[in-house]
């Protein structure tokens, strides 16, 4: 096991511990509803678990585990970005009163 792999595993474990404690890596600036907080927490925990899985895949004999975990992590990160961008685009929508 290389020092780089150990460092990645330690960093992933730290992210998992922060996620379990409810500390988001980039918390939203404004206050959000309880449902939004639960969704954000679920995304953060899922992201951390997938990061640990992706990093642990280097030590696993399971074929294609790292690419699958990386793909799932990329999809999850795009969902997170979309969630944080949604309030920015809401004022740009056109409302029709019929």
Protein backbone atom coordinates (compact mmCIF):
# COMPACT_ATOMS: atom_id res chain seq x y z
CA UNK A 1 0.00 0.00 0.00
CA UNK A 2 1.48 3.33 -1.04
CA UNK A 3 1.54 6.49 1.06
CA UNK A 4 -0.79 8.14 -1.45
CA UNK A 5 -3.41 5.43 -0.97
CA UNK A 6 -3.16 5.72 2.81
CA UNK A 7 -3.49 9.51 2.59
CA UNK A 8 -6.58 9.21 0.35
CA UNK A 9 -8.17 6.71 2.74
CA UNK A 10 -7.46 8.97 5.73
CA UNK A 11 -8.92 11.99 3.93
CA UNK A 12 -12.00 9.99 2.93
CA UNK A 13 -12.45 8.83 6.53
CA UNK A 14 -12.25 12.45 7.69
CA UNK A 15 -14.93 13.46 5.16
CA UNK A 16 -17.14 10.58 6.33
CA UNK A 17 -16.76 11.67 9.96
CA UNK A 18 -17.69 15.26 9.03
CA UNK A 19 -20.71 14.06 7.05
CA UNK A 20 -21.96 11.93 9.94
CA UNK A 21 -21.64 14.96 12.23
CA UNK A 22 -23.70 16.97 9.74
CA UNK A 23 -20.91 19.31 8.66
CA UNK A 24 -21.26 20.02 4.95
CA UNK A 25 -18.09 20.86 2.98
CA UNK A 26 -19.76 23.95 1.49
CA UNK A 27 -22.83 24.88 3.51
CA UNK A 28 -25.41 27.07 1.78
CA UNK A 29 -25.25 30.79 2.55
CA UNK A 30 -28.96 31.25 3.21
CA UNK A 31 -31.17 29.38 5.61
CA UNK A 32 -33.06 26.50 4.05
CA UNK A 33 -36.04 24.37 5.02
CA UNK A 34 -35.80 21.18 7.07
CA UNK A 35 -36.48 19.04 3.99
CA UNK A 36 -33.70 20.77 2.09
CA UNK A 37 -31.35 20.19 5.04
CA UNK A 38 -32.20 16.47 5.05
CA UNK A 39 -31.66 16.27 1.31
CA UNK A 40 -28.33 18.11 1.57
CA UNK A 41 -27.23 15.84 4.41
CA UNK A 42 -28.16 12.74 2.38
CA UNK A 43 -26.21 14.06 -0.61
CA UNK A 44 -23.18 14.83 1.56
CA UNK A 45 -23.18 11.40 3.20
CA UNK A 46 -23.69 9.66 -0.16
CA UNK A 47 -20.87 11.68 -1.68
CA UNK A 48 -18.55 10.75 1.17
CA UNK A 49 -19.43 7.06 0.97
CA UNK A 50 -18.87 7.03 -2.80
CA UNK A 51 -15.53 8.81 -2.35
CA UNK A 52 -14.43 6.19 0.18
CA UNK A 53 -15.64 3.41 -2.13
CA UNK A 54 -13.79 4.91 -5.10
CA UNK A 55 -10.57 5.24 -3.08
CA UNK A 56 -10.93 1.75 -1.59
CA UNK A 57 -11.49 0.28 -5.06
CA UNK A 58 -7.75 0.50 -5.68
CA UNK A 59 -7.28 -2.23 -3.07
CA UNK A 60 -10.22 -4.35 -4.21
CA UNK A 61 -10.04 -7.17 -6.76
CA UNK A 62 -13.56 -6.31 -8.02
CA UNK A 63 -13.31 -5.29 -11.68
CA UNK A 64 -14.73 -1.90 -12.75
CA UNK A 65 -15.49 -0.86 -9.15
CA UNK A 66 -13.49 2.37 -9.36
CA UNK A 67 -15.03 3.57 -12.67
CA UNK A 68 -18.56 2.79 -11.44
CA UNK A 69 -17.97 4.59 -8.13
CA UNK A 70 -16.41 7.53 -10.01
CA UNK A 71 -19.38 7.74 -12.36
CA UNK A 72 -21.87 7.66 -9.48
CA UNK A 73 -19.84 10.32 -7.65
CA UNK A 74 -19.81 12.55 -10.74
CA UNK A 75 -23.59 12.24 -11.11
CA UNK A 76 -24.06 13.05 -7.42
CA UNK A 77 -21.77 16.09 -7.65
CA UNK A 78 -23.80 17.37 -10.62
CA UNK A 79 -26.99 16.98 -8.58
CA UNK A 80 -25.40 18.99 -5.77
CA UNK A 81 -24.36 21.75 -8.17
CA UNK A 82 -27.85 21.87 -9.67
CA UNK A 83 -29.41 22.13 -6.21
CA UNK A 84 -27.19 25.07 -5.26
CA UNK A 85 -27.76 26.81 -8.62
CA UNK A 86 -31.54 26.47 -8.56
CA UNK A 87 -32.17 29.54 -6.35
CA UNK A 88 -30.00 31.62 -8.68
CA UNK A 89 -32.11 30.74 -11.72
CA UNK A 90 -35.54 31.01 -10.09
CA UNK A 91 -35.72 34.84 -10.51
CA UNK A 92 -35.05 34.38 -14.23
CA UNK A 93 -38.18 32.32 -14.80
CA UNK A 94 -41.19 33.90 -16.48
CA UNK A 95 -44.47 33.70 -14.60
CA UNK A 96 -47.70 33.92 -16.61
CA UNK A 97 -50.83 34.96 -14.78
CA UNK A 98 -53.81 33.43 -16.59
